[in-house]
mmCIF file of all heavy atoms, coordinates in Angstrom:
data_MODEL
# 
_entry.id   MODEL 
# 
loop_
_atom_site.group_PDB 
_atom_site.id 
_atom_site.type_symbol 
_atom_site.label_atom_id 
_atom_site.label_alt_id 
_atom_site.label_comp_id 
_atom_site.label_asym_id 
_atom_site.label_entity_id 
_atom_site.label_seq_id 
_atom_site.pdbx_PDB_ins_code 
_atom_site.Cartn_x 
_atom_site.Cartn_y 
_atom_site.Cartn_z 
_atom_site.occupancy 
_atom_site.B_iso_or_equiv 
_atom_site.pdbx_formal_charge 
_atom_site.auth_seq_id 
_atom_site.auth_comp_id 
_atom_site.auth_asym_id 
_atom_site.auth_atom_id 
_atom_site.pdbx_PDB_model_num 
ATOM 1   N N   . ARG A 1 1  ? 166.581 -95.162 104.744 1.00 0.00 ? 1  ARG A N   1 
ATOM 2   C CA  . ARG A 1 1  ? 166.517 -94.365 105.973 1.00 0.00 ? 1  ARG A CA  1 
ATOM 3   C C   . ARG A 1 1  ? 167.118 -92.981 105.819 1.00 0.00 ? 1  ARG A C   1 
ATOM 4   O O   . ARG A 1 1  ? 166.995 -92.148 106.701 1.00 0.00 ? 1  ARG A O   1 
ATOM 5   C CB  . ARG A 1 1  ? 167.248 -95.100 107.097 1.00 0.00 ? 1  ARG A CB  1 
ATOM 6   C CG  . ARG A 1 1  ? 166.662 -96.456 107.396 1.00 0.00 ? 1  ARG A CG  1 
ATOM 7   C CD  . ARG A 1 1  ? 167.514 -97.236 108.383 1.00 0.00 ? 1  ARG A CD  1 
ATOM 8   N NE  . ARG A 1 1  ? 168.813 -97.508 107.779 1.00 0.00 ? 1  ARG A NE  1 
ATOM 9   C CZ  . ARG A 1 1  ? 169.960 -97.495 108.442 1.00 0.00 ? 1  ARG A CZ  1 
ATOM 10  N NH1 . ARG A 1 1  ? 169.991 -97.256 109.720 1.00 0.00 ? 1  ARG A NH1 1 
ATOM 11  N NH2 . ARG A 1 1  ? 171.094 -97.744 107.833 1.00 0.00 ? 1  ARG A NH2 1 
ATOM 12  N N   . GLN A 1 2  ? 167.768 -92.688 104.705 1.00 0.00 ? 2  GLN A N   1 
ATOM 13  C CA  . GLN A 1 2  ? 168.514 -91.438 104.562 1.00 0.00 ? 2  GLN A CA  1 
ATOM 14  C C   . GLN A 1 2  ? 167.664 -90.193 104.792 1.00 0.00 ? 2  GLN A C   1 
ATOM 15  O O   . GLN A 1 2  ? 168.070 -89.286 105.514 1.00 0.00 ? 2  GLN A O   1 
ATOM 16  C CB  . GLN A 1 2  ? 169.183 -91.369 103.190 1.00 0.00 ? 2  GLN A CB  1 
ATOM 17  C CG  . GLN A 1 2  ? 170.307 -92.368 103.056 1.00 0.00 ? 2  GLN A CG  1 
ATOM 18  C CD  . GLN A 1 2  ? 170.903 -92.415 101.667 1.00 0.00 ? 2  GLN A CD  1 
ATOM 19  O OE1 . GLN A 1 2  ? 170.297 -91.969 100.698 1.00 0.00 ? 2  GLN A OE1 1 
ATOM 20  N NE2 . GLN A 1 2  ? 172.100 -92.963 101.575 1.00 0.00 ? 2  GLN A NE2 1 
ATOM 21  N N   . MET A 1 3  ? 166.526 -90.095 104.184 1.00 0.00 ? 3  MET A N   1 
ATOM 22  C CA  . MET A 1 3  ? 165.702 -88.892 104.322 1.00 0.00 ? 3  MET A CA  1 
ATOM 23  C C   . MET A 1 3  ? 165.111 -88.761 105.719 1.00 0.00 ? 3  MET A C   1 
ATOM 24  O O   . MET A 1 3  ? 164.938 -87.649 106.218 1.00 0.00 ? 3  MET A O   1 
ATOM 25  C CB  . MET A 1 3  ? 164.598 -88.858 103.263 1.00 0.00 ? 3  MET A CB  1 
ATOM 26  C CG  . MET A 1 3  ? 165.131 -88.716 101.839 1.00 0.00 ? 3  MET A CG  1 
ATOM 27  S SD  . MET A 1 3  ? 166.112 -87.215 101.612 1.00 0.00 ? 3  MET A SD  1 
ATOM 28  C CE  . MET A 1 3  ? 167.709 -87.903 101.235 1.00 0.00 ? 3  MET A CE  1 
ATOM 29  N N   . VAL A 1 4  ? 164.839 -89.894 106.367 1.00 0.00 ? 4  VAL A N   1 
ATOM 30  C CA  . VAL A 1 4  ? 164.353 -89.856 107.748 1.00 0.00 ? 4  VAL A CA  1 
ATOM 31  C C   . VAL A 1 4  ? 165.446 -89.301 108.648 1.00 0.00 ? 4  VAL A C   1 
ATOM 32  O O   . VAL A 1 4  ? 165.190 -88.453 109.504 1.00 0.00 ? 4  VAL A O   1 
ATOM 33  C CB  . VAL A 1 4  ? 163.899 -91.253 108.219 1.00 0.00 ? 4  VAL A CB  1 
ATOM 34  C CG1 . VAL A 1 4  ? 163.570 -91.254 109.693 1.00 0.00 ? 4  VAL A CG1 1 
ATOM 35  C CG2 . VAL A 1 4  ? 162.726 -91.736 107.397 1.00 0.00 ? 4  VAL A CG2 1 
ATOM 36  N N   . VAL A 1 5  ? 166.668 -89.760 108.453 1.00 0.00 ? 5  VAL A N   1 
ATOM 37  C CA  . VAL A 1 5  ? 167.793 -89.280 109.251 1.00 0.00 ? 5  VAL A CA  1 
ATOM 38  C C   . VAL A 1 5  ? 167.983 -87.781 109.016 1.00 0.00 ? 5  VAL A C   1 
ATOM 39  O O   . VAL A 1 5  ? 168.140 -87.007 109.966 1.00 0.00 ? 5  VAL A O   1 
ATOM 40  C CB  . VAL A 1 5  ? 169.080 -90.067 108.922 1.00 0.00 ? 5  VAL A CB  1 
ATOM 41  C CG1 . VAL A 1 5  ? 170.298 -89.429 109.559 1.00 0.00 ? 5  VAL A CG1 1 
ATOM 42  C CG2 . VAL A 1 5  ? 168.931 -91.512 109.385 1.00 0.00 ? 5  VAL A CG2 1 
ATOM 43  N N   . LEU A 1 6  ? 167.946 -87.356 107.776 1.00 0.00 ? 6  LEU A N   1 
ATOM 44  C CA  . LEU A 1 6  ? 168.109 -85.942 107.462 1.00 0.00 ? 6  LEU A CA  1 
ATOM 45  C C   . LEU A 1 6  ? 166.997 -85.107 108.093 1.00 0.00 ? 6  LEU A C   1 
ATOM 46  O O   . LEU A 1 6  ? 167.241 -84.019 108.614 1.00 0.00 ? 6  LEU A O   1 
ATOM 47  C CB  . LEU A 1 6  ? 168.134 -85.743 105.947 1.00 0.00 ? 6  LEU A CB  1 
ATOM 48  C CG  . LEU A 1 6  ? 168.447 -84.350 105.448 1.00 0.00 ? 6  LEU A CG  1 
ATOM 49  C CD1 . LEU A 1 6  ? 169.785 -83.862 105.982 1.00 0.00 ? 6  LEU A CD1 1 
ATOM 50  C CD2 . LEU A 1 6  ? 168.457 -84.342 103.932 1.00 0.00 ? 6  LEU A CD2 1 
ATOM 51  N N   . ALA A 1 7  ? 165.782 -85.614 108.093 1.00 0.00 ? 7  ALA A N   1 
ATOM 52  C CA  . ALA A 1 7  ? 164.651 -84.890 108.681 1.00 0.00 ? 7  ALA A CA  1 
ATOM 53  C C   . ALA A 1 7  ? 164.820 -84.669 110.179 1.00 0.00 ? 7  ALA A C   1 
ATOM 54  O O   . ALA A 1 7  ? 164.270 -83.713 110.729 1.00 0.00 ? 7  ALA A O   1 
ATOM 55  C CB  . ALA A 1 7  ? 163.344 -85.626 108.394 1.00 0.00 ? 7  ALA A CB  1 
ATOM 56  N N   . LEU A 1 8  ? 165.591 -85.508 110.845 1.00 0.00 ? 8  LEU A N   1 
ATOM 57  C CA  . LEU A 1 8  ? 165.830 -85.309 112.275 1.00 0.00 ? 8  LEU A CA  1 
ATOM 58  C C   . LEU A 1 8  ? 166.505 -83.964 112.544 1.00 0.00 ? 8  LEU A C   1 
ATOM 59  O O   . LEU A 1 8  ? 166.404 -83.426 113.638 1.00 0.00 ? 8  LEU A O   1 
ATOM 60  C CB  . LEU A 1 8  ? 166.666 -86.458 112.855 1.00 0.00 ? 8  LEU A CB  1 
ATOM 61  C CG  . LEU A 1 8  ? 165.946 -87.791 112.988 1.00 0.00 ? 8  LEU A CG  1 
ATOM 62  C CD1 . LEU A 1 8  ? 166.918 -88.877 113.414 1.00 0.00 ? 8  LEU A CD1 1 
ATOM 63  C CD2 . LEU A 1 8  ? 164.795 -87.683 113.964 1.00 0.00 ? 8  LEU A CD2 1 
ATOM 64  N N   . GLY A 1 9  ? 167.174 -83.415 111.538 1.00 0.00 ? 9  GLY A N   1 
ATOM 65  C CA  . GLY A 1 9  ? 167.797 -82.104 111.690 1.00 0.00 ? 9  GLY A CA  1 
ATOM 66  C C   . GLY A 1 9  ? 166.781 -80.983 111.796 1.00 0.00 ? 9  GLY A C   1 
ATOM 67  O O   . GLY A 1 9  ? 167.136 -79.862 112.154 1.00 0.00 ? 9  GLY A O   1 
ATOM 68  N N   . ASN A 1 10 ? 165.525 -81.260 111.517 1.00 0.00 ? 10 ASN A N   1 
ATOM 69  C CA  . ASN A 1 10 ? 164.467 -80.251 111.613 1.00 0.00 ? 10 ASN A CA  1 
ATOM 70  C C   . ASN A 1 10 ? 163.707 -80.305 112.931 1.00 0.00 ? 10 ASN A C   1 
ATOM 71  O O   . ASN A 1 10 ? 162.824 -79.485 113.162 1.00 0.00 ? 10 ASN A O   1 
ATOM 72  C CB  . ASN A 1 10 ? 163.472 -80.431 110.459 1.00 0.00 ? 10 ASN A CB  1 
ATOM 73  C CG  . ASN A 1 10 ? 164.126 -80.196 109.123 1.00 0.00 ? 10 ASN A CG  1 
ATOM 74  O OD1 . ASN A 1 10 ? 164.986 -79.344 108.985 1.00 0.00 ? 10 ASN A OD1 1 
ATOM 75  N ND2 . ASN A 1 10 ? 163.729 -80.963 108.128 1.00 0.00 ? 10 ASN A ND2 1 
ATOM 76  N N   . VAL A 1 11 ? 164.036 -81.268 113.780 1.00 0.00 ? 11 VAL A N   1 
ATOM 77  C CA  . VAL A 1 11 ? 163.336 -81.424 115.055 1.00 0.00 ? 11 VAL A CA  1 
ATOM 78  C C   . VAL A 1 11 ? 163.697 -80.260 115.970 1.00 0.00 ? 11 VAL A C   1 
ATOM 79  O O   . VAL A 1 11 ? 164.868 -79.950 116.163 1.00 0.00 ? 11 VAL A O   1 
ATOM 80  C CB  . VAL A 1 11 ? 163.704 -82.772 115.721 1.00 0.00 ? 11 VAL A CB  1 
ATOM 81  C CG1 . VAL A 1 11 ? 163.130 -82.869 117.115 1.00 0.00 ? 11 VAL A CG1 1 
ATOM 82  C CG2 . VAL A 1 11 ? 163.236 -83.922 114.866 1.00 0.00 ? 11 VAL A CG2 1 
ATOM 83  N N   . LYS A 1 12 ? 162.680 -79.617 116.516 1.00 0.00 ? 12 LYS A N   1 
ATOM 84  C CA  . LYS A 1 12 ? 162.915 -78.451 117.370 1.00 0.00 ? 12 LYS A CA  1 
ATOM 85  C C   . LYS A 1 12 ? 162.647 -78.731 118.849 1.00 0.00 ? 12 LYS A C   1 
ATOM 86  O O   . LYS A 1 12 ? 163.257 -78.128 119.706 1.00 0.00 ? 12 LYS A O   1 
ATOM 87  C CB  . LYS A 1 12 ? 162.032 -77.273 116.924 1.00 0.00 ? 12 LYS A CB  1 
ATOM 88  C CG  . LYS A 1 12 ? 162.250 -76.864 115.488 1.00 0.00 ? 12 LYS A CG  1 
ATOM 89  C CD  . LYS A 1 12 ? 163.633 -76.310 115.287 1.00 0.00 ? 12 LYS A CD  1 
ATOM 90  C CE  . LYS A 1 12 ? 163.773 -75.835 113.845 1.00 0.00 ? 12 LYS A CE  1 
ATOM 91  N NZ  . LYS A 1 12 ? 165.104 -75.880 113.356 1.00 0.00 ? 12 LYS A NZ  1 
ATOM 92  N N   . HIS A 1 13 ? 161.727 -79.620 119.158 1.00 0.00 ? 13 HIS A N   1 
ATOM 93  C CA  . HIS A 1 13 ? 161.292 -79.791 120.539 1.00 0.00 ? 13 HIS A CA  1 
ATOM 94  C C   . HIS A 1 13 ? 162.038 -80.885 121.302 1.00 0.00 ? 13 HIS A C   1 
ATOM 95  O O   . HIS A 1 13 ? 162.211 -80.772 122.498 1.00 0.00 ? 13 HIS A O   1 
ATOM 96  C CB  . HIS A 1 13 ? 159.788 -80.034 120.591 1.00 0.00 ? 13 HIS A CB  1 
ATOM 97  C CG  . HIS A 1 13 ? 159.015 -78.907 120.008 1.00 0.00 ? 13 HIS A CG  1 
ATOM 98  N ND1 . HIS A 1 13 ? 158.937 -77.672 120.604 1.00 0.00 ? 13 HIS A ND1 1 
ATOM 99  C CD2 . HIS A 1 13 ? 158.320 -78.795 118.861 1.00 0.00 ? 13 HIS A CD2 1 
ATOM 100 C CE1 . HIS A 1 13 ? 158.217 -76.865 119.858 1.00 0.00 ? 13 HIS A CE1 1 
ATOM 101 N NE2 . HIS A 1 13 ? 157.830 -77.525 118.788 1.00 0.00 ? 13 HIS A NE2 1 
ATOM 102 N N   . ASN A 1 14 ? 162.451 -81.900 120.641 1.00 0.00 ? 14 ASN A N   1 
ATOM 103 C CA  . ASN A 1 14 ? 163.222 -82.984 121.271 1.00 0.00 ? 14 ASN A CA  1 
ATOM 104 C C   . ASN A 1 14 ? 164.560 -83.061 120.561 1.00 0.00 ? 14 ASN A C   1 
ATOM 105 O O   . ASN A 1 14 ? 164.610 -83.175 119.346 1.00 0.00 ? 14 ASN A O   1 
ATOM 106 C CB  . ASN A 1 14 ? 162.495 -84.320 121.141 1.00 0.00 ? 14 ASN A CB  1 
ATOM 107 C CG  . ASN A 1 14 ? 161.198 -84.337 121.915 1.00 0.00 ? 14 ASN A CG  1 
ATOM 108 O OD1 . ASN A 1 14 ? 161.144 -83.836 123.024 1.00 0.00 ? 14 ASN A OD1 1 
ATOM 109 N ND2 . ASN A 1 14 ? 160.161 -84.902 121.340 1.00 0.00 ? 14 ASN A ND2 1 
ATOM 110 N N   . ASP A 1 15 ? 165.616 -83.019 121.310 1.00 0.00 ? 15 ASP A N   1 
ATOM 111 C CA  . ASP A 1 15 ? 166.955 -83.017 120.724 1.00 0.00 ? 15 ASP A CA  1 
ATOM 112 C C   . ASP A 1 15 ? 167.329 -84.416 120.232 1.00 0.00 ? 15 ASP A C   1 
ATOM 113 O O   . ASP A 1 15 ? 167.500 -85.330 121.036 1.00 0.00 ? 15 ASP A O   1 
ATOM 114 C CB  . ASP A 1 15 ? 167.956 -82.533 121.765 1.00 0.00 ? 15 ASP A CB  1 
ATOM 115 C CG  . ASP A 1 15 ? 169.365 -82.429 121.228 1.00 0.00 ? 15 ASP A CG  1 
ATOM 116 O OD1 . ASP A 1 15 ? 169.580 -82.639 120.021 1.00 0.00 ? 15 ASP A OD1 1 
ATOM 117 O OD2 . ASP A 1 15 ? 170.266 -82.125 122.029 1.00 0.00 ? 15 ASP A OD2 1 
ATOM 118 N N   . PRO A 1 16 ? 167.465 -84.608 118.919 1.00 0.00 ? 16 PRO A N   1 
ATOM 119 C CA  . PRO A 1 16 ? 167.795 -85.924 118.372 1.00 0.00 ? 16 PRO A CA  1 
ATOM 120 C C   . PRO A 1 16 ? 169.305 -86.197 118.291 1.00 0.00 ? 16 PRO A C   1 
ATOM 121 O O   . PRO A 1 16 ? 169.716 -87.176 117.683 1.00 0.00 ? 16 PRO A O   1 
ATOM 122 C CB  . PRO A 1 16 ? 167.178 -85.872 116.973 1.00 0.00 ? 16 PRO A CB  1 
ATOM 123 C CG  . PRO A 1 16 ? 167.316 -84.440 116.589 1.00 0.00 ? 16 PRO A CG  1 
ATOM 124 C CD  . PRO A 1 16 ? 167.106 -83.660 117.862 1.00 0.00 ? 16 PRO A CD  1 
ATOM 125 N N   . THR A 1 17 ? 170.114 -85.354 118.908 1.00 0.00 ? 17 THR A N   1 
ATOM 126 C CA  . THR A 1 17 ? 171.573 -85.506 118.813 1.00 0.00 ? 17 THR A CA  1 
ATOM 127 C C   . THR A 1 17 ? 172.023 -86.903 119.235 1.00 0.00 ? 17 THR A C   1 
ATOM 128 O O   . THR A 1 17 ? 172.855 -87.512 118.564 1.00 0.00 ? 17 THR A O   1 
ATOM 129 C CB  . THR A 1 17 ? 172.285 -84.428 119.648 1.00 0.00 ? 17 THR A CB  1 
ATOM 130 O OG1 . THR A 1 17 ? 171.891 -83.143 119.157 1.00 0.00 ? 17 THR A OG1 1 
ATOM 131 C CG2 . THR A 1 17 ? 173.790 -84.556 119.558 1.00 0.00 ? 17 THR A CG2 1 
ATOM 132 N N   . ASP A 1 18 ? 171.480 -87.417 120.330 1.00 0.00 ? 18 ASP A N   1 
ATOM 133 C CA  . ASP A 1 18 ? 171.897 -88.737 120.817 1.00 0.00 ? 18 ASP A CA  1 
ATOM 134 C C   . ASP A 1 18 ? 171.492 -89.862 119.879 1.00 0.00 ? 18 ASP A C   1 
ATOM 135 O O   . ASP A 1 18 ? 172.082 -90.939 119.917 1.00 0.00 ? 18 ASP A O   1 
ATOM 136 C CB  . ASP A 1 18 ? 171.339 -88.994 122.223 1.00 0.00 ? 18 ASP A CB  1 
ATOM 137 C CG  . ASP A 1 18 ? 171.976 -88.073 123.262 1.00 0.00 ? 18 ASP A CG  1 
ATOM 138 O OD1 . ASP A 1 18 ? 173.131 -87.657 123.069 1.00 0.00 ? 18 ASP A OD1 1 
ATOM 139 O OD2 . ASP A 1 18 ? 171.299 -87.764 124.259 1.00 0.00 ? 18 ASP A OD2 1 
ATOM 140 N N   . VAL A 1 19 ? 170.500 -89.630 119.051 1.00 0.00 ? 19 VAL A N   1 
ATOM 141 C CA  . VAL A 1 19 ? 170.099 -90.618 118.042 1.00 0.00 ? 19 VAL A CA  1 
ATOM 142 C C   . VAL A 1 19 ? 171.022 -90.515 116.830 1.00 0.00 ? 19 VAL A C   1 
ATOM 143 O O   . VAL A 1 19 ? 171.407 -91.523 116.237 1.00 0.00 ? 19 VAL A O   1 
ATOM 144 C CB  . VAL A 1 19 ? 168.623 -90.398 117.620 1.00 0.00 ? 19 VAL A CB  1 
ATOM 145 C CG1 . VAL A 1 19 ? 168.254 -91.282 116.446 1.00 0.00 ? 19 VAL A CG1 1 
ATOM 146 C CG2 . VAL A 1 19 ? 167.694 -90.627 118.792 1.00 0.00 ? 19 VAL A CG2 1 
ATOM 147 N N   . LEU A 1 20 ? 171.402 -89.291 116.478 1.00 0.00 ? 20 LEU A N   1 
ATOM 148 C CA  . LEU A 1 20 ? 172.192 -89.066 115.268 1.00 0.00 ? 20 LEU A CA  1 
ATOM 149 C C   . LEU A 1 20 ? 173.665 -89.446 115.417 1.00 0.00 ? 20 LEU A C   1 
ATOM 150 O O   . LEU A 1 20 ? 174.265 -89.951 114.460 1.00 0.00 ? 20 LEU A O   1 
ATOM 151 C CB  . LEU A 1 20 ? 172.082 -87.595 114.850 1.00 0.00 ? 20 LEU A CB  1 
ATOM 152 C CG  . LEU A 1 20 ? 170.720 -87.187 114.305 1.00 0.00 ? 20 LEU A CG  1 
ATOM 153 C CD1 . LEU A 1 20 ? 170.590 -85.680 114.259 1.00 0.00 ? 20 LEU A CD1 1 
ATOM 154 C CD2 . LEU A 1 20 ? 170.516 -87.790 112.926 1.00 0.00 ? 20 LEU A CD2 1 
ATOM 155 N N   . ILE A 1 21 ? 174.255 -89.217 116.566 1.00 0.00 ? 21 ILE A N   1 
ATOM 156 C CA  . ILE A 1 21 ? 175.691 -89.485 116.728 1.00 0.00 ? 21 ILE A CA  1 
ATOM 157 C C   . ILE A 1 21 ? 176.055 -90.936 116.381 1.00 0.00 ? 21 ILE A C   1 
ATOM 158 O O   . ILE A 1 21 ? 177.002 -91.161 115.622 1.00 0.00 ? 21 ILE A O   1 
ATOM 159 C CB  . ILE A 1 21 ? 176.187 -89.065 118.128 1.00 0.00 ? 21 ILE A CB  1 
ATOM 160 C CG1 . ILE A 1 21 ? 176.208 -87.533 118.214 1.00 0.00 ? 21 ILE A CG1 1 
ATOM 161 C CG2 . ILE A 1 21 ? 177.570 -89.648 118.426 1.00 0.00 ? 21 ILE A CG2 1 
ATOM 162 C CD1 . ILE A 1 21 ? 176.535 -86.977 119.590 1.00 0.00 ? 21 ILE A CD1 1 
ATOM 163 N N   . PRO A 1 22 ? 175.349 -91.943 116.880 1.00 0.00 ? 22 PRO A N   1 
ATOM 164 C CA  . PRO A 1 22 ? 175.709 -93.322 116.491 1.00 0.00 ? 22 PRO A CA  1 
ATOM 165 C C   . PRO A 1 22 ? 175.551 -93.592 114.991 1.00 0.00 ? 22 PRO A C   1 
ATOM 166 O O   . PRO A 1 22 ? 176.236 -94.447 114.434 1.00 0.00 ? 22 PRO A O   1 
ATOM 167 C CB  . PRO A 1 22 ? 174.745 -94.190 117.305 1.00 0.00 ? 22 PRO A CB  1 
ATOM 168 C CG  . PRO A 1 22 ? 174.279 -93.339 118.417 1.00 0.00 ? 22 PRO A CG  1 
ATOM 169 C CD  . PRO A 1 22 ? 174.298 -91.937 117.905 1.00 0.00 ? 22 PRO A CD  1 
ATOM 170 N N   . LEU A 1 23 ? 174.686 -92.839 114.333 1.00 0.00 ? 23 LEU A N   1 
ATOM 171 C CA  . LEU A 1 23 ? 174.481 -93.034 112.900 1.00 0.00 ? 23 LEU A CA  1 
ATOM 172 C C   . LEU A 1 23 ? 175.666 -92.530 112.073 1.00 0.00 ? 23 LEU A C   1 
ATOM 173 O O   . LEU A 1 23 ? 175.764 -92.842 110.879 1.00 0.00 ? 23 LEU A O   1 
ATOM 174 C CB  . LEU A 1 23 ? 173.194 -92.346 112.452 1.00 0.00 ? 23 LEU A CB  1 
ATOM 175 C CG  . LEU A 1 23 ? 171.912 -92.936 113.047 1.00 0.00 ? 23 LEU A CG  1 
ATOM 176 C CD1 . LEU A 1 23 ? 170.701 -92.136 112.586 1.00 0.00 ? 23 LEU A CD1 1 
ATOM 177 C CD2 . LEU A 1 23 ? 171.772 -94.399 112.678 1.00 0.00 ? 23 LEU A CD2 1 
ATOM 178 N N   . LEU A 1 24 ? 176.584 -91.809 112.695 1.00 0.00 ? 24 LEU A N   1 
ATOM 179 C CA  . LEU A 1 24 ? 177.794 -91.376 111.991 1.00 0.00 ? 24 LEU A CA  1 
ATOM 180 C C   . LEU A 1 24 ? 178.677 -92.561 111.614 1.00 0.00 ? 24 LEU A C   1 
ATOM 181 O O   . LEU A 1 24 ? 179.569 -92.428 110.772 1.00 0.00 ? 24 LEU A O   1 
ATOM 182 C CB  . LEU A 1 24 ? 178.584 -90.379 112.849 1.00 0.00 ? 24 LEU A CB  1 
ATOM 183 C CG  . LEU A 1 24 ? 177.891 -89.039 113.098 1.00 0.00 ? 24 LEU A CG  1 
ATOM 184 C CD1 . LEU A 1 24 ? 178.680 -88.224 114.116 1.00 0.00 ? 24 LEU A CD1 1 
ATOM 185 C CD2 . LEU A 1 24 ? 177.731 -88.255 111.805 1.00 0.00 ? 24 LEU A CD2 1 
ATOM 186 N N   . ASP A 1 25 ? 178.443 -93.703 112.225 1.00 0.00 ? 25 ASP A N   1 
ATOM 187 C CA  . ASP A 1 25 ? 179.204 -94.919 111.914 1.00 0.00 ? 25 ASP A CA  1 
ATOM 188 C C   . ASP A 1 25 ? 178.443 -95.865 110.990 1.00 0.00 ? 25 ASP A C   1 
ATOM 189 O O   . ASP A 1 25 ? 178.913 -96.962 110.704 1.00 0.00 ? 25 ASP A O   1 
ATOM 190 C CB  . ASP A 1 25 ? 179.569 -95.655 113.211 1.00 0.00 ? 25 ASP A CB  1 
ATOM 191 C CG  . ASP A 1 25 ? 180.521 -94.846 114.067 1.00 0.00 ? 25 ASP A CG  1 
ATOM 192 O OD1 . ASP A 1 25 ? 181.407 -94.173 113.503 1.00 0.00 ? 25 ASP A OD1 1 
ATOM 193 O OD2 . ASP A 1 25 ? 180.370 -94.873 115.298 1.00 0.00 ? 25 ASP A OD2 1 
# 
């Protein structure tokens, strides 16, 4: 899943922050 998670940093139209924060754990 690593590259998929990293690719979320390129999303411009929908903010993926709420998806990424839990992945910090």
